[in-house]
């Protein structure tokens, strides 16, 4: 089950990295006046930090570090909150599909976390 947890964590880290890049590309390719939201580069850096943190925690879980269980579990809970938010905030099939995908990965990650044995 540790391999399943590793795969789920890597999917989340890579997905968040891809989202960070898309935020940066989308905002820099739009013309016109930006709103009052944060600068795209700031958002990119924040999402990049979270993606690296997810990868570090996932690697620690893969290596059998007991401290990684709690942050990995919290990452999965936060991913479930994203699942709850995506279909409500977005319109259309893509938001629902994205929410279902995030929910599937996070529920699988939680299940794998509970089934993973940590030997110290």
PDB file of N, CA and C in Angstrom:
ATOM      1  N   UNK A   1       0.804  -1.206   0.000  1.00  0.00           N
ATOM      2  CA  UNK A   1       0.000   0.000   0.000  1.00  0.00           C
ATOM      3  C   UNK A   1       0.847   1.272   0.000  1.00  0.00           C
ATOM      4  N   UNK A   2       2.104   1.113   0.374  1.00  0.00           N
ATOM      5  CA  UNK A   2       2.971   2.287   0.356  1.00  0.00           C
ATOM      6  C   UNK A   2       3.153   2.807  -1.065  1.00  0.00           C
ATOM      7  N   UNK A   3       3.165   1.893  -2.042  1.00  0.00           N
ATOM      8  CA  UNK A   3       3.284   2.319  -3.443  1.00  0.00           C
ATOM      9  C   UNK A   3       2.059   3.106  -3.881  1.00  0.00           C
ATOM     10  N   UNK A   4       0.884   2.697  -3.429  1.00  0.00           N
ATOM     11  CA  UNK A   4      -0.350   3.411  -3.768  1.00  0.00           C
ATOM     12  C   UNK A   4      -0.321   4.812  -3.171  1.00  0.00           C
ATOM     13  N   UNK A   5       0.128   4.920  -1.911  1.00  0.00           N
ATOM     14  CA  UNK A   5       0.247   6.232  -1.279  1.00  0.00           C
ATOM     15  C   UNK A   5       1.251   7.104  -2.026  1.00  0.00           C
ATOM     16  N   UNK A   6       2.347   6.508  -2.469  1.00  0.00           N
ATOM     17  CA  UNK A   6       3.347   7.249  -3.240  1.00  0.00           C
ATOM     18  C   UNK A   6       2.748   7.761  -4.545  1.00  0.00           C
ATOM     19  N   UNK A   7       2.021   6.909  -5.248  1.00  0.00           N
ATOM     20  CA  UNK A   7       1.416   7.305  -6.523  1.00  0.00           C
ATOM     21  C   UNK A   7       0.403   8.424  -6.312  1.00  0.00           C
ATOM     22  N   UNK A   8      -0.428   8.304  -5.284  1.00  0.00           N
ATOM     23  CA  UNK A   8      -1.422   9.352  -5.015  1.00  0.00           C
ATOM     24  C   UNK A   8      -0.745  10.680  -4.685  1.00  0.00           C
ATOM     25  N   UNK A   9       0.284  10.651  -3.854  1.00  0.00           N
ATOM     26  CA  UNK A   9       0.998  11.869  -3.505  1.00  0.00           C
ATOM     27  C   UNK A   9       1.680  12.501  -4.709  1.00  0.00           C
ATOM     28  N   UNK A  10       2.268  11.664  -5.569  1.00  0.00           N
ATOM     29  CA  UNK A  10       2.920  12.209  -6.768  1.00  0.00           C
ATOM     30  C   UNK A  10       1.909  12.793  -7.740  1.00  0.00           C
ATOM     31  N   UNK A  11       0.756  12.149  -7.882  1.00  0.00           N
ATOM     32  CA  UNK A  11      -0.297  12.696  -8.745  1.00  0.00           C
ATOM     33  C   UNK A  11      -0.723  14.064  -8.236  1.00  0.00           C
ATOM     34  N   UNK A  12      -0.885  14.187  -6.922  1.00  0.00           N
ATOM     35  CA  UNK A  12      -1.292  15.476  -6.351  1.00  0.00           C
ATOM     36  C   UNK A  12      -0.216  16.538  -6.529  1.00  0.00           C
ATOM     37  N   UNK A  13       1.041  16.174  -6.301  1.00  0.00           N
ATOM     38  CA  UNK A  13       2.129  17.145  -6.453  1.00  0.00           C
ATOM     39  C   UNK A  13       2.283  17.593  -7.904  1.00  0.00           C
ATOM     40  N   UNK A  14       2.238  16.645  -8.824  1.00  0.00           N
ATOM     41  CA  UNK A  14       2.370  16.989 -10.251  1.00  0.00           C
ATOM     42  C   UNK A  14       1.161  17.787 -10.723  1.00  0.00           C
ATOM     43  N   UNK A  15      -0.030  17.407 -10.257  1.00  0.00           N
ATOM     44  CA  UNK A  15      -1.234  18.147 -10.629  1.00  0.00           C
ATOM     45  C   UNK A  15      -1.189  19.582 -10.133  1.00  0.00           C
ATOM     46  N   UNK A  16      -0.722  19.783  -8.902  1.00  0.00           N
ATOM     47  CA  UNK A  16      -0.623  21.140  -8.362  1.00  0.00           C
ATOM     48  C   UNK A  16       0.450  21.943  -9.090  1.00  0.00           C
ATOM     49  N   UNK A  17       1.541  21.302  -9.464  1.00  0.00           N
ATOM     50  CA  UNK A  17       2.573  21.979 -10.247  1.00  0.00           C
ATOM     51  C   UNK A  17       2.026  22.404 -11.614  1.00  0.00           C
ATOM     52  N   UNK A  18       1.280  21.512 -12.260  1.00  0.00           N
ATOM     53  CA  UNK A  18       0.676  21.852 -13.551  1.00  0.00           C
ATOM     54  C   UNK A  18      -0.315  23.001 -13.399  1.00  0.00           C
ATOM     55  N   UNK A  19      -1.080  22.997 -12.308  1.00  0.00           N
ATOM     56  CA  UNK A  19      -2.013  24.095 -12.071  1.00  0.00           C
ATOM     57  C   UNK A  19      -1.271  25.404 -11.852  1.00  0.00           C
ATOM     58  N   UNK A  20      -0.159  25.359 -11.110  1.00  0.00           N
ATOM     59  CA  UNK A  20       0.632  26.571 -10.866  1.00  0.00           C
ATOM     60  C   UNK A  20       1.153  27.144 -12.180  1.00  0.00           C
ATOM     61  N   UNK A  21       1.628  26.276 -13.051  1.00  0.00           N
ATOM     62  CA  UNK A  21       2.120  26.730 -14.352  1.00  0.00           C
ATOM     63  C   UNK A  21       0.977  27.302 -15.183  1.00  0.00           C
ATOM     64  N   UNK A  22      -0.180  26.659 -15.122  1.00  0.00           N
ATOM     65  CA  UNK A  22      -1.316  27.153 -15.909  1.00  0.00           C
ATOM     66  C   UNK A  22      -1.788  28.517 -15.423  1.00  0.00           C
ATOM     67  N   UNK A  23      -1.737  28.749 -14.108  1.00  0.00           N
ATOM     68  CA  UNK A  23      -2.110  30.064 -13.579  1.00  0.00           C
ATOM     69  C   UNK A  23      -1.158  31.126 -14.108  1.00  0.00           C
ATOM     70  N   UNK A  24       0.112  30.812 -14.112  1.00  0.00           N
ATOM     71  CA  UNK A  24       1.111  31.762 -14.586  1.00  0.00           C
ATOM     72  C   UNK A  24       0.952  32.028 -16.075  1.00  0.00           C
ATOM     73  N   UNK A  25       0.749  30.985 -16.868  1.00  0.00           N
ATOM     74  CA  UNK A  25       0.630  31.138 -18.316  1.00  0.00           C
ATOM     75  C   UNK A  25      -0.661  31.860 -18.682  1.00  0.00           C
ATOM     76  N   UNK A  26      -1.761  31.488 -18.051  1.00  0.00           N
ATOM     77  CA  UNK A  26      -3.049  32.093 -18.384  1.00  0.00           C
ATOM     78  C   UNK A  26      -3.060  33.584 -18.080  1.00  0.00           C
ATOM     79  N   UNK A  27      -2.560  33.938 -16.914  1.00  0.00           N
ATOM     80  CA  UNK A  27      -2.591  35.339 -16.509  1.00  0.00           C
ATOM     81  C   UNK A  27      -1.633  36.206 -17.317  1.00  0.00           C
ATOM     82  N   UNK A  28      -0.522  35.651 -17.761  1.00  0.00           N
ATOM     83  CA  UNK A  28       0.412  36.459 -18.539  1.00  0.00           C
ATOM     84  C   UNK A  28      -0.009  36.557 -20.001  1.00  0.00           C
ATOM     85  N   UNK A  29      -0.877  35.639 -20.463  1.00  0.00           N
ATOM     86  CA  UNK A  29      -1.311  35.713 -21.853  1.00  0.00           C
ATOM     87  C   UNK A  29      -2.567  36.554 -22.026  1.00  0.00           C
ATOM     88  N   UNK A  30      -3.267  36.878 -20.941  1.00  0.00           N
ATOM     89  CA  UNK A  30      -4.470  37.709 -21.038  1.00  0.00           C
ATOM     90  C   UNK A  30      -4.078  39.171 -21.210  1.00  0.00           C
ATOM     91  N   UNK A  31      -4.848  39.860 -22.023  1.00  0.00           N
ATOM     92  CA  UNK A  31      -4.653  41.291 -22.212  1.00  0.00           C
ATOM     93  C   UNK A  31      -5.676  42.045 -21.379  1.00  0.00           C
ATOM     94  N   UNK A  32      -5.369  43.271 -21.054  1.00  0.00           N
ATOM     95  CA  UNK A  32      -6.321  44.076 -20.315  1.00  0.00           C
ATOM     96  C   UNK A  32      -5.864  44.308 -18.886  1.00  0.00           C
ATOM     97  N   UNK A  33      -6.777  44.870 -18.106  1.00  0.00           N
ATOM     98  CA  UNK A  33      -6.483  45.233 -16.726  1.00  0.00           C
ATOM     99  C   UNK A  33      -6.812  44.060 -15.817  1.00  0.00           C
ATOM    100  N   UNK A  34      -5.870  43.734 -14.949  1.00  0.00           N
ATOM    101  CA  UNK A  34      -6.112  42.673 -13.981  1.00  0.00           C
ATOM    102  C   UNK A  34      -6.983  43.192 -12.854  1.00  0.00           C
ATOM    103  N   UNK A  35      -7.671  42.247 -12.187  1.00  0.00           N
ATOM    104  CA  UNK A  35      -8.511  42.591 -11.045  1.00  0.00           C
ATOM    105  C   UNK A  35      -7.679  42.849  -9.799  1.00  0.00           C
ATOM    106  N   UNK A  36      -8.332  42.772  -8.673  1.00  0.00           N
ATOM    107  CA  UNK A  36      -7.646  43.075  -7.420  1.00  0.00           C
ATOM    108  C   UNK A  36      -7.056  41.829  -6.771  1.00  0.00           C
ATOM    109  N   UNK A  37      -7.031  40.709  -7.487  1.00  0.00           N
ATOM    110  CA  UNK A  37      -6.479  39.470  -6.936  1.00  0.00           C
ATOM    111  C   UNK A  37      -4.970  39.514  -6.865  1.00  0.00           C
ATOM    112  N   UNK A  38      -4.374  38.492  -6.260  1.00  0.00           N
ATOM    113  CA  UNK A  38      -2.914  38.453  -6.151  1.00  0.00           C
ATOM    114  C   UNK A  38      -2.243  38.330  -7.522  1.00  0.00           C
ATOM    115  N   UNK A  39      -1.024  38.783  -7.576  1.00  0.00           N
ATOM    116  CA  UNK A  39      -0.253  38.711  -8.814  1.00  0.00           C
ATOM    117  C   UNK A  39      -0.034  37.246  -9.186  1.00  0.00           C
ATOM    118  N   UNK A  40      -0.082  36.907 -10.494  1.00  0.00           N
ATOM    119  CA  UNK A  40       0.081  35.518 -10.925  1.00  0.00           C
ATOM    120  C   UNK A  40       1.405  34.890 -10.478  1.00  0.00           C
ATOM    121  N   UNK A  41       2.462  35.682 -10.416  1.00  0.00           N
ATOM    122  CA  UNK A  41       3.744  35.142  -9.978  1.00  0.00           C
ATOM    123  C   UNK A  41       3.697  34.741  -8.508  1.00  0.00           C
ATOM    124  N   UNK A  42       2.992  35.509  -7.698  1.00  0.00           N
ATOM    125  CA  UNK A  42       2.829  35.175  -6.284  1.00  0.00           C
ATOM    126  C   UNK A  42       2.046  33.869  -6.139  1.00  0.00           C
ATOM    127  N   UNK A  43       0.963  33.743  -6.891  1.00  0.00           N
ATOM    128  CA  UNK A  43       0.177  32.510  -6.865  1.00  0.00           C
ATOM    129  C   UNK A  43       1.016  31.318  -7.315  1.00  0.00           C
ATOM    130  N   UNK A  44       1.817  31.522  -8.356  1.00  0.00           N
ATOM    131  CA  UNK A  44       2.686  30.457  -8.845  1.00  0.00           C
ATOM    132  C   UNK A  44       3.638  29.979  -7.758  1.00  0.00           C
ATOM    133  N   UNK A  45       4.263  30.912  -7.055  1.00  0.00           N
ATOM    134  CA  UNK A  45       5.217  30.558  -6.004  1.00  0.00           C
ATOM    135  C   UNK A  45       4.511  29.825  -4.859  1.00  0.00           C
ATOM    136  N   UNK A  46       3.334  30.283  -4.473  1.00  0.00           N
ATOM    137  CA  UNK A  46       2.590  29.624  -3.393  1.00  0.00           C
ATOM    138  C   UNK A  46       2.240  28.194  -3.783  1.00  0.00           C
ATOM    139  N   UNK A  47       1.696  28.011  -4.981  1.00  0.00           N
ATOM    140  CA  UNK A  47       1.327  26.666  -5.424  1.00  0.00           C
ATOM    141  C   UNK A  47       2.561  25.787  -5.599  1.00  0.00           C
ATOM    142  N   UNK A  48       3.664  26.365  -6.029  1.00  0.00           N
ATOM    143  CA  UNK A  48       4.911  25.615  -6.180  1.00  0.00           C
ATOM    144  C   UNK A  48       5.422  25.127  -4.828  1.00  0.00           C
ATOM    145  N   UNK A  49       5.347  25.983  -3.818  1.00  0.00           N
ATOM    146  CA  UNK A  49       5.768  25.592  -2.469  1.00  0.00           C
ATOM    147  C   UNK A  49       4.907  24.435  -1.967  1.00  0.00           C
ATOM    148  N   UNK A  50       3.600  24.512  -2.172  1.00  0.00           N
ATOM    149  CA  UNK A  50       2.720  23.428  -1.743  1.00  0.00           C
ATOM    150  C   UNK A  50       3.007  22.137  -2.503  1.00  0.00           C
ATOM    151  N   UNK A  51       3.284  22.238  -3.794  1.00  0.00           N
ATOM    152  CA  UNK A  51       3.594  21.036  -4.583  1.00  0.00           C
ATOM    153  C   UNK A  51       4.868  20.370  -4.088  1.00  0.00           C
ATOM    154  N   UNK A  52       5.885  21.166  -3.790  1.00  0.00           N
ATOM    155  CA  UNK A  52       7.143  20.613  -3.269  1.00  0.00           C
ATOM    156  C   UNK A  52       6.915  20.003  -1.887  1.00  0.00           C
ATOM    157  N   UNK A  53       6.109  20.652  -1.062  1.00  0.00           N
ATOM    158  CA  UNK A  53       5.822  20.116   0.275  1.00  0.00           C
ATOM    159  C   UNK A  53       5.096  18.775   0.189  1.00  0.00           C
ATOM    160  N   UNK A  54       4.144  18.663  -0.736  1.00  0.00           N
ATOM    161  CA  UNK A  54       3.440  17.397  -0.924  1.00  0.00           C
ATOM    162  C   UNK A  54       4.422  16.317  -1.370  1.00  0.00           C
ATOM    163  N   UNK A  55       5.325  16.659  -2.273  1.00  0.00           N
ATOM    164  CA  UNK A  55       6.316  15.686  -2.743  1.00  0.00           C
ATOM    165  C   UNK A  55       7.253  15.255  -1.614  1.00  0.00           C
ATOM    166  N   UNK A  56       7.662  16.183  -0.761  1.00  0.00           N
ATOM    167  CA  UNK A  56       8.567  15.857   0.358  1.00  0.00           C
ATOM    168  C   UNK A  56       7.863  14.942   1.363  1.00  0.00           C
ATOM    169  N   UNK A  57       6.624  15.258   1.697  1.00  0.00           N
ATOM    170  CA  UNK A  57       5.880  14.421   2.647  1.00  0.00           C
ATOM    171  C   UNK A  57       5.629  13.041   2.049  1.00  0.00           C
ATOM    172  N   UNK A  58       5.311  12.986   0.771  1.00  0.00           N
ATOM    173  CA  UNK A  58       5.079  11.699   0.118  1.00  0.00           C
ATOM    174  C   UNK A  58       6.353  10.869   0.102  1.00  0.00           C
ATOM    175  N   UNK A  59       7.478  11.488  -0.161  1.00  0.00           N
ATOM    176  CA  UNK A  59       8.751  10.773  -0.154  1.00  0.00           C
ATOM    177  C   UNK A  59       9.068  10.249   1.243  1.00  0.00           C
ATOM    178  N   UNK A  60       8.806  11.062   2.250  1.00  0.00           N
ATOM    179  CA  UNK A  60       9.060  10.626   3.630  1.00  0.00           C
ATOM    180  C   UNK A  60       8.160   9.443   3.992  1.00  0.00           C
ATOM    181  N   UNK A  61       6.924   9.469   3.542  1.00  0.00           N
ATOM    182  CA  UNK A  61       6.027   8.333   3.787  1.00  0.00           C
ATOM    183  C   UNK A  61       6.544   7.098   3.062  1.00  0.00           C
ATOM    184  N   UNK A  62       7.033   7.281   1.863  1.00  0.00           N
ATOM    185  CA  UNK A  62       7.595   6.173   1.082  1.00  0.00           C
ATOM    186  C   UNK A  62       8.800   5.553   1.803  1.00  0.00           C
ATOM    187  N   UNK A  63       9.608   6.410   2.439  1.00  0.00           N
ATOM    188  CA  UNK A  63      10.785   5.929   3.152  1.00  0.00           C
ATOM    189  C   UNK A  63      10.452   5.370   4.532  1.00  0.00           C
ATOM    190  N   UNK A  64       9.190   5.438   4.930  1.00  0.00           N
ATOM    191  CA  UNK A  64       8.764   4.859   6.194  1.00  0.00           C
ATOM    192  C   UNK A  64       8.934   5.751   7.401  1.00  0.00           C
ATOM    193  N   UNK A  65       9.017   7.046   7.200  1.00  0.00           N
ATOM    194  CA  UNK A  65       9.150   7.977   8.323  1.00  0.00           C
ATOM    195  C   UNK A  65       7.791   8.150   9.005  1.00  0.00           C
ATOM    196  N   UNK A  66       7.757   7.957  10.301  1.00  0.00           N
ATOM    197  CA  UNK A  66       6.474   8.014  11.013  1.00  0.00           C
ATOM    198  C   UNK A  66       5.909   9.430  11.081  1.00  0.00           C
ATOM    199  N   UNK A  67       6.756  10.449  11.057  1.00  0.00           N
ATOM    200  CA  UNK A  67       6.268  11.823  11.140  1.00  0.00           C
ATOM    201  C   UNK A  67       5.448  12.215   9.921  1.00  0.00           C
ATOM    202  N   UNK A  68       5.590  11.509   8.814  1.00  0.00           N
ATOM    203  CA  UNK A  68       4.927  11.897   7.566  1.00  0.00           C
ATOM    204  C   UNK A  68       3.463  11.487   7.516  1.00  0.00           C
ATOM    205  N   UNK A  69       3.022  10.631   8.422  1.00  0.00           N
ATOM    206  CA  UNK A  69       1.643  10.141   8.380  1.00  0.00           C
ATOM    207  C   UNK A  69       0.623  11.278   8.574  1.00  0.00           C
ATOM    208  N   UNK A  70       0.831  12.122   9.567  1.00  0.00           N
ATOM    209  CA  UNK A  70      -0.127  13.191   9.844  1.00  0.00           C
ATOM    210  C   UNK A  70      -0.192  14.213   8.714  1.00  0.00           C
ATOM    211  N   UNK A  71       0.944  14.752   8.232  1.00  0.00           N
ATOM    212  CA  UNK A  71       0.829  15.710   7.128  1.00  0.00           C
ATOM    213  C   UNK A  71       0.236  15.089   5.868  1.00  0.00           C
ATOM    214  N   UNK A  72       0.566  13.822   5.604  1.00  0.00           N
ATOM    215  CA  UNK A  72       0.000  13.159   4.423  1.00  0.00           C
ATOM    216  C   UNK A  72      -1.517  13.037   4.562  1.00  0.00           C
ATOM    217  N   UNK A  73      -1.978  12.676   5.748  1.00  0.00           N
ATOM    218  CA  UNK A  73      -3.419  12.590   5.981  1.00  0.00           C
ATOM    219  C   UNK A  73      -4.103  13.941   5.836  1.00  0.00           C
ATOM    220  N   UNK A  74      -3.461  15.002   6.336  1.00  0.00           N
ATOM    221  CA  UNK A  74      -4.036  16.346   6.199  1.00  0.00           C
ATOM    222  C   UNK A  74      -4.091  16.784   4.736  1.00  0.00           C
ATOM    223  N   UNK A  75      -3.087  16.417   3.973  1.00  0.00           N
ATOM    224  CA  UNK A  75      -3.094  16.730   2.541  1.00  0.00           C
ATOM    225  C   UNK A  75      -4.309  16.089   1.875  1.00  0.00           C
ATOM    226  N   UNK A  76      -4.605  14.853   2.255  1.00  0.00           N
ATOM    227  CA  UNK A  76      -5.750  14.158   1.662  1.00  0.00           C
ATOM    228  C   UNK A  76      -7.070  14.813   2.083  1.00  0.00           C
ATOM    229  N   UNK A  77      -7.149  15.255   3.331  1.00  0.00           N
ATOM    230  CA  UNK A  77      -8.366  15.944   3.796  1.00  0.00           C
ATOM    231  C   UNK A  77      -8.528  17.266   3.045  1.00  0.00           C
ATOM    232  N   UNK A  78      -7.444  18.006   2.867  1.00  0.00           N
ATOM    233  CA  UNK A  78      -7.525  19.260   2.114  1.00  0.00           C
ATOM    234  C   UNK A  78      -7.932  18.997   0.666  1.00  0.00           C
ATOM    235  N   UNK A  79      -7.444  17.896   0.109  1.00  0.00           N
ATOM    236  CA  UNK A  79      -7.841  17.541  -1.256  1.00  0.00           C
ATOM    237  C   UNK A  79      -9.340  17.238  -1.324  1.00  0.00           C
ATOM    238  N   UNK A  80      -9.877  16.625  -0.296  1.00  0.00           N
ATOM    239  CA  UNK A  80     -11.325  16.393  -0.261  1.00  0.00           C
ATOM    240  C   UNK A  80     -12.097  17.706  -0.165  1.00  0.00           C
ATOM    241  N   UNK A  81     -11.526  18.689   0.528  1.00  0.00           N
ATOM    242  CA  UNK A  81     -12.165  20.010   0.571  1.00  0.00           C
ATOM    243  C   UNK A  81     -12.157  20.661  -0.808  1.00  0.00           C
ATOM    244  N   UNK A  82     -11.079  20.443  -1.563  1.00  0.00           N
ATOM    245  CA  UNK A  82     -11.030  20.940  -2.945  1.00  0.00           C
ATOM    246  C   UNK A  82     -12.112  20.259  -3.772  1.00  0.00           C
ATOM    247  N   UNK A  83     -12.294  18.949  -3.546  1.00  0.00           N
ATOM    248  CA  UNK A  83     -13.344  18.211  -4.244  1.00  0.00           C
ATOM    249  C   UNK A  83     -14.706  18.817  -3.948  1.00  0.00           C
ATOM    250  N   UNK A  84     -14.932  19.224  -2.701  1.00  0.00           N
ATOM    251  CA  UNK A  84     -16.214  19.807  -2.345  1.00  0.00           C
ATOM    252  C   UNK A  84     -16.380  21.189  -2.975  1.00  0.00           C
ATOM    253  N   UNK A  85     -15.279  21.891  -3.200  1.00  0.00           N
ATOM    254  CA  UNK A  85     -15.344  23.253  -3.727  1.00  0.00           C
ATOM    255  C   UNK A  85     -15.441  23.309  -5.248  1.00  0.00           C
ATOM    256  N   UNK A  86     -14.730  22.429  -5.942  1.00  0.00           N
ATOM    257  CA  UNK A  86     -14.666  22.511  -7.408  1.00  0.00           C
ATOM    258  C   UNK A  86     -16.028  22.447  -8.102  1.00  0.00           C
ATOM    259  N   UNK A  87     -16.864  21.466  -7.816  1.00  0.00           N
ATOM    260  CA  UNK A  87     -18.142  21.430  -8.524  1.00  0.00           C
ATOM    261  C   UNK A  87     -19.048  22.607  -8.181  1.00  0.00           C
ATOM    262  N   UNK A  88     -18.913  23.158  -6.977  1.00  0.00           N
ATOM    263  CA  UNK A  88     -19.757  24.277  -6.589  1.00  0.00           C
ATOM    264  C   UNK A  88     -19.294  25.589  -7.215  1.00  0.00           C
ATOM    265  N   UNK A  89     -17.989  25.769  -7.346  1.00  0.00           N
ATOM    266  CA  UNK A  89     -17.466  27.040  -7.843  1.00  0.00           C
ATOM    267  C   UNK A  89     -17.405  27.087  -9.364  1.00  0.00           C
ATOM    268  N   UNK A  90     -17.165  25.957  -9.986  1.00  0.00           N
ATOM    269  CA  UNK A  90     -17.042  25.937 -11.435  1.00  0.00           C
ATOM    270  C   UNK A  90     -18.368  25.614 -12.100  1.00  0.00           C
ATOM    271  N   UNK A  91     -18.400  25.914 -13.356  1.00  0.00           N
ATOM    272  CA  UNK A  91     -19.597  25.572 -14.106  1.00  0.00           C
ATOM    273  C   UNK A  91     -19.183  24.630 -15.230  1.00  0.00           C
ATOM    274  N   UNK A  92     -19.975  23.632 -15.428  1.00  0.00           N
ATOM    275  CA  UNK A  92     -19.707  22.734 -16.531  1.00  0.00           C
ATOM    276  C   UNK A  92     -19.163  21.391 -16.099  1.00  0.00           C
ATOM    277  N   UNK A  93     -18.929  20.587 -17.101  1.00  0.00           N
ATOM    278  CA  UNK A  93     -18.511  19.213 -16.885  1.00  0.00           C
ATOM    279  C   UNK A  93     -17.071  19.128 -16.398  1.00  0.00           C
ATOM    280  N   UNK A  94     -16.210  20.030 -16.844  1.00  0.00           N
ATOM    281  CA  UNK A  94     -14.804  19.973 -16.471  1.00  0.00           C
ATOM    282  C   UNK A  94     -14.611  20.120 -14.968  1.00  0.00           C
ATOM    283  N   UNK A  95     -15.354  21.029 -14.330  1.00  0.00           N
ATOM    284  CA  UNK A  95     -15.233  21.214 -12.875  1.00  0.00           C
ATOM    285  C   UNK A  95     -15.703  19.973 -12.137  1.00  0.00           C
ATOM    286  N   UNK A  96     -16.791  19.380 -12.601  1.00  0.00           N
ATOM    287  CA  UNK A  96     -17.286  18.160 -11.948  1.00  0.00           C
ATOM    288  C   UNK A  96     -16.305  16.999 -12.140  1.00  0.00           C
ATOM    289  N   UNK A  97     -15.758  16.874 -13.338  1.00  0.00           N
ATOM    290  CA  UNK A  97     -14.787  15.817 -13.605  1.00  0.00           C
ATOM    291  C   UNK A  97     -13.525  16.020 -12.767  1.00  0.00           C
ATOM    292  N   UNK A  98     -13.047  17.253 -12.697  1.00  0.00           N
ATOM    293  CA  UNK A  98     -11.869  17.553 -11.879  1.00  0.00           C
ATOM    294  C   UNK A  98     -12.114  17.270 -10.415  1.00  0.00           C
ATOM    295  N   UNK A  99     -13.283  17.633  -9.914  1.00  0.00           N
ATOM    296  CA  UNK A  99     -13.625  17.351  -8.524  1.00  0.00           C
ATOM    297  C   UNK A  99     -13.691  15.866  -8.245  1.00  0.00           C
ATOM    298  N   UNK A 100     -14.280  15.107  -9.168  1.00  0.00           N
ATOM    299  CA  UNK A 100     -14.364  13.658  -8.993  1.00  0.00           C
ATOM    300  C   UNK A 100     -12.979  13.020  -9.027  1.00  0.00           C
ATOM    301  N   UNK A 101     -12.110  13.525  -9.878  1.00  0.00           N
ATOM    302  CA  UNK A 101     -10.743  12.996  -9.958  1.00  0.00           C
ATOM    303  C   UNK A 101      -9.963  13.276  -8.678  1.00  0.00           C
ATOM    304  N   UNK A 102     -10.083  14.494  -8.169  1.00  0.00           N
ATOM    305  CA  UNK A 102      -9.412  14.854  -6.920  1.00  0.00           C
ATOM    306  C   UNK A 102      -9.944  13.995  -5.776  1.00  0.00           C
ATOM    307  N   UNK A 103     -11.247  13.785  -5.725  1.00  0.00           N
ATOM    308  CA  UNK A 103     -11.839  12.967  -4.662  1.00  0.00           C
ATOM    309  C   UNK A 103     -11.356  11.528  -4.739  1.00  0.00           C
ATOM    310  N   UNK A 104     -11.290  10.985  -5.931  1.00  0.00           N
ATOM    311  CA  UNK A 104     -10.836   9.604  -6.098  1.00  0.00           C
ATOM    312  C   UNK A 104      -9.399   9.431  -5.622  1.00  0.00           C
ATOM    313  N   UNK A 105      -8.534  10.349  -6.011  1.00  0.00           N
ATOM    314  CA  UNK A 105      -7.122  10.256  -5.610  1.00  0.00           C
ATOM    315  C   UNK A 105      -6.984  10.427  -4.099  1.00  0.00           C
ATOM    316  N   UNK A 106      -7.704  11.376  -3.514  1.00  0.00           N
ATOM    317  CA  UNK A 106      -7.546  11.620  -2.080  1.00  0.00           C
ATOM    318  C   UNK A 106      -8.144  10.495  -1.234  1.00  0.00           C
ATOM    319  N   UNK A 107      -9.267   9.941  -1.641  1.00  0.00           N
ATOM    320  CA  UNK A 107      -9.841   8.817  -0.896  1.00  0.00           C
ATOM    321  C   UNK A 107      -8.923   7.596  -1.000  1.00  0.00           C
ATOM    322  N   UNK A 108      -8.368   7.381  -2.177  1.00  0.00           N
ATOM    323  CA  UNK A 108      -7.402   6.285  -2.340  1.00  0.00           C
ATOM    324  C   UNK A 108      -6.171   6.531  -1.478  1.00  0.00           C
ATOM    325  N   UNK A 109      -5.713   7.778  -1.407  1.00  0.00           N
ATOM    326  CA  UNK A 109      -4.565   8.116  -0.570  1.00  0.00           C
ATOM    327  C   UNK A 109      -4.831   7.895   0.909  1.00  0.00           C
ATOM    328  N   UNK A 110      -6.028   8.251   1.376  1.00  0.00           N
ATOM    329  CA  UNK A 110      -6.380   8.026   2.784  1.00  0.00           C
ATOM    330  C   UNK A 110      -6.419   6.529   3.080  1.00  0.00           C
ATOM    331  N   UNK A 111      -7.039   5.764   2.194  1.00  0.00           N
ATOM    332  CA  UNK A 111      -7.115   4.320   2.371  1.00  0.00           C
ATOM    333  C   UNK A 111      -5.708   3.714   2.413  1.00  0.00           C
ATOM    334  N   UNK A 112      -4.856   4.145   1.498  1.00  0.00           N
ATOM    335  CA  UNK A 112      -3.481   3.630   1.466  1.00  0.00           C
ATOM    336  C   UNK A 112      -2.715   4.023   2.721  1.00  0.00           C
ATOM    337  N   UNK A 113      -2.971   5.212   3.241  1.00  0.00           N
ATOM    338  CA  UNK A 113      -2.303   5.652   4.460  1.00  0.00           C
ATOM    339  C   UNK A 113      -2.670   4.757   5.638  1.00  0.00           C
ATOM    340  N   UNK A 114      -3.935   4.426   5.767  1.00  0.00           N
ATOM    341  CA  UNK A 114      -4.353   3.576   6.877  1.00  0.00           C
ATOM    342  C   UNK A 114      -3.842   2.142   6.738  1.00  0.00           C
ATOM    343  N   UNK A 115      -3.611   1.705   5.531  1.00  0.00           N
ATOM    344  CA  UNK A 115      -3.121   0.342   5.309  1.00  0.00           C
ATOM    345  C   UNK A 115      -1.592   0.246   5.300  1.00  0.00           C
ATOM    346  N   UNK A 116      -0.912   1.378   5.313  1.00  0.00           N
ATOM    347  CA  UNK A 116       0.553   1.383   5.268  1.00  0.00           C
ATOM    348  C   UNK A 116       1.118   1.182   6.667  1.00  0.00           C
ATOM    349  N   UNK A 117       2.027   0.256   6.782  1.00  0.00           N
ATOM    350  CA  UNK A 117       2.708   0.017   8.058  1.00  0.00           C
ATOM    351  C   UNK A 117       4.013   0.795   8.067  1.00  0.00           C
ATOM    352  N   UNK A 118       4.275   1.423   9.181  1.00  0.00           N
ATOM    353  CA  UNK A 118       5.522   2.156   9.363  1.00  0.00           C
ATOM    354  C   UNK A 118       6.341   1.423  10.416  1.00  0.00           C
ATOM    355  N   UNK A 119       7.535   0.968  10.003  1.00  0.00           N
ATOM    356  CA  UNK A 119       8.426   0.293  10.941  1.00  0.00           C
ATOM    357  C   UNK A 119       9.524   1.252  11.358  1.00  0.00           C
ATOM    358  N   UNK A 120       9.671   1.428  12.637  1.00  0.00           N
ATOM    359  CA  UNK A 120      10.741   2.300  13.153  1.00  0.00           C
ATOM    360  C   UNK A 120      11.673   1.512  14.021  1.00  0.00           C
TER     361      UNK A 120
END
